[in-house]
PDB file of N, CA and C in Angstrom:
ATOM      1  N   MET A   1     101.769 105.354 109.334  1.00  0.00           N
ATOM      2  CA  MET A   1     102.236 106.048 108.142  1.00  0.00           C
ATOM      3  C   MET A   1     101.288 105.735 106.979  1.00  0.00           C
ATOM      4  N   ARG A   2     100.763 106.783 106.364  1.00  0.00           N
ATOM      5  CA  ARG A   2      99.865 106.591 105.227  1.00  0.00           C
ATOM      6  C   ARG A   2     100.668 106.257 103.970  1.00  0.00           C
ATOM      7  N   LYS A   3     100.056 105.477 103.106  1.00  0.00           N
ATOM      8  CA  LYS A   3     100.654 105.137 101.820  1.00  0.00           C
ATOM      9  C   LYS A   3      99.897 105.880 100.730  1.00  0.00           C
ATOM     10  N   ILE A   4     100.642 106.371  99.762  1.00  0.00           N
ATOM     11  CA  ILE A   4     100.079 107.137  98.660  1.00  0.00           C
ATOM     12  C   ILE A   4     100.347 106.390  97.362  1.00  0.00           C
ATOM     13  N   LYS A   5      99.313 106.286  96.534  1.00  0.00           N
ATOM     14  CA  LYS A   5      99.455 105.677  95.204  1.00  0.00           C
ATOM     15  C   LYS A   5      99.520 106.811  94.187  1.00  0.00           C
ATOM     16  N   LEU A   6     100.654 106.927  93.504  1.00  0.00           N
ATOM     17  CA  LEU A   6     100.821 107.913  92.442  1.00  0.00           C
ATOM     18  C   LEU A   6     100.522 107.210  91.128  1.00  0.00           C
ATOM     19  N   ILE A   7      99.686 107.847  90.294  1.00  0.00           N
ATOM     20  CA  ILE A   7      99.101 107.171  89.139  1.00  0.00           C
ATOM     21  C   ILE A   7      99.367 107.941  87.844  1.00  0.00           C
ATOM     22  N   TRP A   8      99.697 107.169  86.800  1.00  0.00           N
ATOM     23  CA  TRP A   8      99.846 107.696  85.445  1.00  0.00           C
ATOM     24  C   TRP A   8      98.843 106.975  84.559  1.00  0.00           C
ATOM     25  N   ASP A   9      98.114 107.728  83.739  1.00  0.00           N
ATOM     26  CA  ASP A   9      97.122 107.169  82.823  1.00  0.00           C
ATOM     27  C   ASP A   9      97.726 107.037  81.425  1.00  0.00           C
ATOM     28  N   PHE A  10      97.473 105.884  80.803  1.00  0.00           N
ATOM     29  CA  PHE A  10      97.894 105.651  79.433  1.00  0.00           C
ATOM     30  C   PHE A  10      96.677 105.171  78.657  1.00  0.00           C
ATOM     31  N   LYS A  11      96.353 105.925  77.618  1.00  0.00           N
ATOM     32  CA  LYS A  11      95.127 105.641  76.867  1.00  0.00           C
ATOM     33  C   LYS A  11      95.462 105.303  75.418  1.00  0.00           C
ATOM     34  N   GLY A  12      94.553 104.586  74.801  1.00  0.00           N
ATOM     35  CA  GLY A  12      94.706 104.211  73.411  1.00  0.00           C
ATOM     36  C   GLY A  12      95.139 102.764  73.277  1.00  0.00           C
ATOM     37  N   PRO A  13      95.272 102.305  72.042  1.00  0.00           N
ATOM     38  CA  PRO A  13      95.584 100.900  71.802  1.00  0.00           C
ATOM     39  C   PRO A  13      96.963 100.474  72.307  1.00  0.00           C
ATOM     40  N   ASP A  14      97.879 101.408  72.478  1.00  0.00           N
ATOM     41  CA  ASP A  14      99.222 101.092  72.978  1.00  0.00           C
ATOM     42  C   ASP A  14      99.369 101.344  74.469  1.00  0.00           C
ATOM     43  N   GLY A  15      98.280 101.705  75.128  1.00  0.00           N
ATOM     44  CA  GLY A  15      98.339 102.076  76.539  1.00  0.00           C
ATOM     45  C   GLY A  15      98.880 100.992  77.450  1.00  0.00           C
ATOM     46  N   LEU A  16      98.505  99.742  77.205  1.00  0.00           N
ATOM     47  CA  LEU A  16      98.964  98.645  78.054  1.00  0.00           C
ATOM     48  C   LEU A  16     100.475  98.487  77.980  1.00  0.00           C
ATOM     49  N   GLU A  17     101.008  98.456  76.780  1.00  0.00           N
ATOM     50  CA  GLU A  17     102.461  98.288  76.629  1.00  0.00           C
ATOM     51  C   GLU A  17     103.220  99.498  77.167  1.00  0.00           C
ATOM     52  N   THR A  18     102.671 100.675  76.982  1.00  0.00           N
ATOM     53  CA  THR A  18     103.316 101.882  77.498  1.00  0.00           C
ATOM     54  C   THR A  18     103.332 101.866  79.025  1.00  0.00           C
ATOM     55  N   ALA A  19     102.244 101.454  79.635  1.00  0.00           N
ATOM     56  CA  ALA A  19     102.172 101.382  81.099  1.00  0.00           C
ATOM     57  C   ALA A  19     103.167 100.361  81.646  1.00  0.00           C
ATOM     58  N   LYS A  20     103.269  99.208  81.002  1.00  0.00           N
ATOM     59  CA  LYS A  20     104.245  98.196  81.417  1.00  0.00           C
ATOM     60  C   LYS A  20     105.660  98.772  81.378  1.00  0.00           C
ATOM     61  N   HIS A  21     105.965  99.467  80.304  1.00  0.00           N
ATOM     62  CA  HIS A  21     107.302 100.058  80.163  1.00  0.00           C
ATOM     63  C   HIS A  21     107.533 101.154  81.199  1.00  0.00           C
ATOM     64  N   HIS A  22     106.505 101.922  81.480  1.00  0.00           N
ATOM     65  CA  HIS A  22     106.626 102.991  82.475  1.00  0.00           C
ATOM     66  C   HIS A  22     106.973 102.414  83.848  1.00  0.00           C
ATOM     67  N   CYS A  23     106.446 101.246  84.166  1.00  0.00           N
ATOM     68  CA  CYS A  23     106.760 100.585  85.443  1.00  0.00           C
ATOM     69  C   CYS A  23     108.260 100.309  85.568  1.00  0.00           C
ATOM     70  N   VAL A  24     108.886  99.945  84.473  1.00  0.00           N
ATOM     71  CA  VAL A  24     110.337  99.713  84.482  1.00  0.00           C
ATOM     72  C   VAL A  24     111.055 100.987  84.911  1.00  0.00           C
ATOM     73  N   HIS A  25     110.646 102.114  84.341  1.00  0.00           N
ATOM     74  CA  HIS A  25     111.288 103.390  84.676  1.00  0.00           C
ATOM     75  C   HIS A  25     111.006 103.828  86.113  1.00  0.00           C
ATOM     76  N   LEU A  26     109.813 103.540  86.610  1.00  0.00           N
ATOM     77  CA  LEU A  26     109.505 103.880  88.000  1.00  0.00           C
ATOM     78  C   LEU A  26     110.433 103.125  88.951  1.00  0.00           C
ATOM     79  N   LYS A  27     110.635 101.846  88.692  1.00  0.00           N
ATOM     80  CA  LYS A  27     111.545 101.045  89.524  1.00  0.00           C
ATOM     81  C   LYS A  27     112.975 101.546  89.415  1.00  0.00           C
ATOM     82  N   GLU A  28     113.409 101.872  88.205  1.00  0.00           N
ATOM     83  CA  GLU A  28     114.763 102.381  88.009  1.00  0.00           C
ATOM     84  C   GLU A  28     114.983 103.674  88.780  1.00  0.00           C
ATOM     85  N   PHE A  29     114.017 104.580  88.722  1.00  0.00           N
ATOM     86  CA  PHE A  29     114.136 105.850  89.429  1.00  0.00           C
ATOM     87  C   PHE A  29     114.335 105.608  90.921  1.00  0.00           C
ATOM     88  N   ALA A  30     113.511 104.750  91.497  1.00  0.00           N
ATOM     89  CA  ALA A  30     113.605 104.469  92.934  1.00  0.00           C
ATOM     90  C   ALA A  30     114.945 103.816  93.280  1.00  0.00           C
ATOM     91  N   GLN A  31     115.404 102.908  92.450  1.00  0.00           N
ATOM     92  CA  GLN A  31     116.658 102.209  92.728  1.00  0.00           C
ATOM     93  C   GLN A  31     117.867 103.129  92.603  1.00  0.00           C
ATOM     94  N   ILE A  32     117.880 103.971  91.594  1.00  0.00           N
ATOM     95  CA  ILE A  32     119.010 104.881  91.383  1.00  0.00           C
ATOM     96  C   ILE A  32     119.200 105.797  92.584  1.00  0.00           C
ATOM     97  N   ASP A  33     118.092 106.309  93.125  1.00  0.00           N
ATOM     98  CA  ASP A  33     118.156 107.238  94.257  1.00  0.00           C
ATOM     99  C   ASP A  33     117.950 106.553  95.603  1.00  0.00           C
ATOM    100  N   SER A  34     117.929 105.221  95.607  1.00  0.00           N
ATOM    101  CA  SER A  34     117.738 104.433  96.837  1.00  0.00           C
ATOM    102  C   SER A  34     116.507 104.885  97.617  1.00  0.00           C
ATOM    103  N   LEU A  35     115.405 105.071  96.895  1.00  0.00           N
ATOM    104  CA  LEU A  35     114.154 105.511  97.512  1.00  0.00           C
ATOM    105  C   LEU A  35     113.263 104.300  97.762  1.00  0.00           C
ATOM    106  N   PRO A  36     112.697 104.208  98.951  1.00  0.00           N
ATOM    107  CA  PRO A  36     111.838 103.065  99.250  1.00  0.00           C
ATOM    108  C   PRO A  36     110.461 103.204  98.595  1.00  0.00           C
ATOM    109  N   TYR A  37     109.901 102.078  98.206  1.00  0.00           N
ATOM    110  CA  TYR A  37     108.542 102.042  97.695  1.00  0.00           C
ATOM    111  C   TYR A  37     107.935 100.689  98.059  1.00  0.00           C
ATOM    112  N   HIS A  38     106.621 100.607  98.002  1.00  0.00           N
ATOM    113  CA  HIS A  38     105.924  99.382  98.376  1.00  0.00           C
ATOM    114  C   HIS A  38     105.554  98.530  97.170  1.00  0.00           C
ATOM    115  N   GLU A  39     105.149  99.186  96.098  1.00  0.00           N
ATOM    116  CA  GLU A  39     104.694  98.441  94.932  1.00  0.00           C
ATOM    117  C   GLU A  39     104.787  99.313  93.691  1.00  0.00           C
ATOM    118  N   VAL A  40     105.156  98.693  92.595  1.00  0.00           N
ATOM    119  CA  VAL A  40     105.059  99.293  91.265  1.00  0.00           C
ATOM    120  C   VAL A  40     104.304  98.285  90.421  1.00  0.00           C
ATOM    121  N   ASN A  41     103.262  98.762  89.722  1.00  0.00           N
ATOM    122  CA  ASN A  41     102.473  97.831  88.936  1.00  0.00           C
ATOM    123  C   ASN A  41     101.629  98.596  87.926  1.00  0.00           C
ATOM    124  N   PHE A  42     100.853  97.861  87.150  1.00  0.00           N
ATOM    125  CA  PHE A  42      99.928  98.449  86.192  1.00  0.00           C
ATOM    126  C   PHE A  42      98.613  97.688  86.271  1.00  0.00           C
ATOM    127  N   VAL A  43      97.535  98.366  85.861  1.00  0.00           N
ATOM    128  CA  VAL A  43      96.213  97.757  85.830  1.00  0.00           C
ATOM    129  C   VAL A  43      95.535  98.204  84.544  1.00  0.00           C
ATOM    130  N   SER A  44      95.063  97.252  83.779  1.00  0.00           N
ATOM    131  CA  SER A  44      94.310  97.564  82.574  1.00  0.00           C
ATOM    132  C   SER A  44      92.848  97.752  82.974  1.00  0.00           C
ATOM    133  N   LEU A  45      92.345  98.962  82.836  1.00  0.00           N
ATOM    134  CA  LEU A  45      90.969  99.273  83.206  1.00  0.00           C
ATOM    135  C   LEU A  45      90.002  98.849  82.102  1.00  0.00           C
ATOM    136  N   ASN A  46      90.436  98.992  80.871  1.00  0.00           N
ATOM    137  CA  ASN A  46      89.727  98.475  79.703  1.00  0.00           C
ATOM    138  C   ASN A  46      90.724  98.474  78.547  1.00  0.00           C
ATOM    139  N   GLU A  47      90.305  98.086  77.370  1.00  0.00           N
ATOM    140  CA  GLU A  47      91.265  97.942  76.275  1.00  0.00           C
ATOM    141  C   GLU A  47      91.867  99.268  75.803  1.00  0.00           C
ATOM    142  N   MET A  48      91.289 100.367  76.242  1.00  0.00           N
ATOM    143  CA  MET A  48      91.791 101.680  75.827  1.00  0.00           C
ATOM    144  C   MET A  48      92.325 102.528  76.982  1.00  0.00           C
ATOM    145  N   HIS A  49      92.408 101.966  78.194  1.00  0.00           N
ATOM    146  CA  HIS A  49      92.881 102.756  79.346  1.00  0.00           C
ATOM    147  C   HIS A  49      93.592 101.840  80.337  1.00  0.00           C
ATOM    148  N   THR A  50      94.869 102.118  80.542  1.00  0.00           N
ATOM    149  CA  THR A  50      95.681 101.376  81.504  1.00  0.00           C
ATOM    150  C   THR A  50      96.381 102.381  82.402  1.00  0.00           C
ATOM    151  N   ILE A  51      96.508 102.036  83.678  1.00  0.00           N
ATOM    152  CA  ILE A  51      97.255 102.899  84.591  1.00  0.00           C
ATOM    153  C   ILE A  51      98.525 102.192  85.034  1.00  0.00           C
ATOM    154  N   ALA A  52      99.552 102.983  85.266  1.00  0.00           N
ATOM    155  CA  ALA A  52     100.766 102.524  85.936  1.00  0.00           C
ATOM    156  C   ALA A  52     100.800 103.271  87.257  1.00  0.00           C
ATOM    157  N   PHE A  53     101.330 102.621  88.306  1.00  0.00           N
ATOM    158  CA  PHE A  53     101.344 103.294  89.598  1.00  0.00           C
ATOM    159  C   PHE A  53     102.515 102.832  90.445  1.00  0.00           C
ATOM    160  N   ILE A  54     102.837 103.684  91.414  1.00  0.00           N
ATOM    161  CA  ILE A  54     103.807 103.364  92.445  1.00  0.00           C
ATOM    162  C   ILE A  54     103.189 103.737  93.781  1.00  0.00           C
ATOM    163  N   VAL A  55     103.360 102.877  94.772  1.00  0.00           N
ATOM    164  CA  VAL A  55     102.854 103.137  96.114  1.00  0.00           C
ATOM    165  C   VAL A  55     104.043 103.462  97.006  1.00  0.00           C
ATOM    166  N   VAL A  56     103.983 104.639  97.640  1.00  0.00           N
ATOM    167  CA  VAL A  56     105.081 105.112  98.483  1.00  0.00           C
ATOM    168  C   VAL A  56     104.527 105.597  99.818  1.00  0.00           C
ATOM    169  N   ASP A  57     105.405 105.708 100.801  1.00  0.00           N
ATOM    170  CA  ASP A  57     105.008 106.308 102.070  1.00  0.00           C
ATOM    171  C   ASP A  57     104.783 107.799 101.862  1.00  0.00           C
ATOM    172  N   GLU A  58     103.853 108.343 102.617  1.00  0.00           N
ATOM    173  CA  GLU A  58     103.512 109.759 102.477  1.00  0.00           C
ATOM    174  C   GLU A  58     104.735 110.659 102.640  1.00  0.00           C
ATOM    175  N   GLU A  59     105.653 110.295 103.516  1.00  0.00           N
ATOM    176  CA  GLU A  59     106.837 111.139 103.743  1.00  0.00           C
ATOM    177  C   GLU A  59     107.738 111.231 102.513  1.00  0.00           C
ATOM    178  N   ASN A  60     107.674 110.269 101.606  1.00  0.00           N
ATOM    179  CA  ASN A  60     108.497 110.286 100.391  1.00  0.00           C
ATOM    180  C   ASN A  60     107.716 110.730  99.156  1.00  0.00           C
ATOM    181  N   MET A  61     106.439 110.960  99.307  1.00  0.00           N
ATOM    182  CA  MET A  61     105.584 111.259  98.168  1.00  0.00           C
ATOM    183  C   MET A  61     106.048 112.468  97.370  1.00  0.00           C
ATOM    184  N   LYS A  62     106.461 113.538  98.017  1.00  0.00           N
ATOM    185  CA  LYS A  62     106.842 114.758  97.304  1.00  0.00           C
ATOM    186  C   LYS A  62     108.063 114.551  96.417  1.00  0.00           C
ATOM    187  N   ILE A  63     108.985 113.714  96.837  1.00  0.00           N
ATOM    188  CA  ILE A  63     110.166 113.428  96.020  1.00  0.00           C
ATOM    189  C   ILE A  63     109.729 112.797  94.698  1.00  0.00           C
ATOM    190  N   PHE A  64     108.887 111.772  94.793  1.00  0.00           N
ATOM    191  CA  PHE A  64     108.405 111.097  93.595  1.00  0.00           C
ATOM    192  C   PHE A  64     107.520 112.024  92.763  1.00  0.00           C
ATOM    193  N   ARG A  65     106.603 112.722  93.424  1.00  0.00           N
ATOM    194  CA  ARG A  65     105.663 113.598  92.718  1.00  0.00           C
ATOM    195  C   ARG A  65     106.381 114.688  91.933  1.00  0.00           C
ATOM    196  N   ASP A  66     107.316 115.359  92.586  1.00  0.00           N
ATOM    197  CA  ASP A  66     107.992 116.481  91.934  1.00  0.00           C
ATOM    198  C   ASP A  66     108.878 116.034  90.778  1.00  0.00           C
ATOM    199  N   ALA A  67     109.504 114.886  90.908  1.00  0.00           N
ATOM    200  CA  ALA A  67     110.407 114.408  89.867  1.00  0.00           C
ATOM    201  C   ALA A  67     109.680 113.725  88.714  1.00  0.00           C
ATOM    202  N   LEU A  68     108.591 113.004  89.023  1.00  0.00           N
ATOM    203  CA  LEU A  68     107.976 112.134  88.019  1.00  0.00           C
ATOM    204  C   LEU A  68     106.642 112.632  87.467  1.00  0.00           C
ATOM    205  N   LYS A  69     106.075 113.667  88.058  1.00  0.00           N
ATOM    206  CA  LYS A  69     104.849 114.312  87.570  1.00  0.00           C
ATOM    207  C   LYS A  69     103.701 113.334  87.280  1.00  0.00           C
ATOM    208  N   PRO A  70     103.219 112.632  88.307  1.00  0.00           N
ATOM    209  CA  PRO A  70     102.082 111.735  88.083  1.00  0.00           C
ATOM    210  C   PRO A  70     100.835 112.525  87.689  1.00  0.00           C
ATOM    211  N   HIS A  71      99.909 111.851  87.049  1.00  0.00           N
ATOM    212  CA  HIS A  71      98.660 112.505  86.649  1.00  0.00           C
ATOM    213  C   HIS A  71      97.747 112.746  87.840  1.00  0.00           C
ATOM    214  N   ARG A  72      97.836 111.857  88.823  1.00  0.00           N
ATOM    215  CA  ARG A  72      97.009 111.999  90.024  1.00  0.00           C
ATOM    216  C   ARG A  72      97.539 111.090  91.112  1.00  0.00           C
ATOM    217  N   GLY A  73      96.965 111.219  92.292  1.00  0.00           N
ATOM    218  CA  GLY A  73      97.344 110.385  93.406  1.00  0.00           C
ATOM    219  C   GLY A  73      96.134 110.104  94.288  1.00  0.00           C
ATOM    220  N   GLU A  74      96.252 109.060  95.095  1.00  0.00           N
ATOM    221  CA  GLU A  74      95.181 108.711  96.022  1.00  0.00           C
ATOM    222  C   GLU A  74      95.774 107.927  97.194  1.00  0.00           C
ATOM    223  N   LEU A  75      95.019 107.834  98.261  1.00  0.00           N
ATOM    224  CA  LEU A  75      95.456 107.009  99.376  1.00  0.00           C
ATOM    225  C   LEU A  75      95.449 105.550  98.952  1.00  0.00           C
ATOM    226  N   ALA A  76      96.486 104.847  99.316  1.00  0.00           N
ATOM    227  CA  ALA A  76      96.582 103.421  98.950  1.00  0.00           C
ATOM    228  C   ALA A  76      96.028 102.558 100.058  1.00  0.00           C
TER     229      ALA A  76
END
């Protein structure tokens, strides 16, 4: 089973804090609907660009994608 990383980009001086907060909502969404996921986290790429992401199985990707509208996705 392939894993998919769904990614949201947050830019600007508040990007890090916004990405951290977005991770809280990603976890809440999965828990409310009892959806499995592998990881929720954030990575600061530089001081002006941070990403938040969730890693899910490919079979569940469309549920997350359609509801949460990530900016992009890639194989995890």
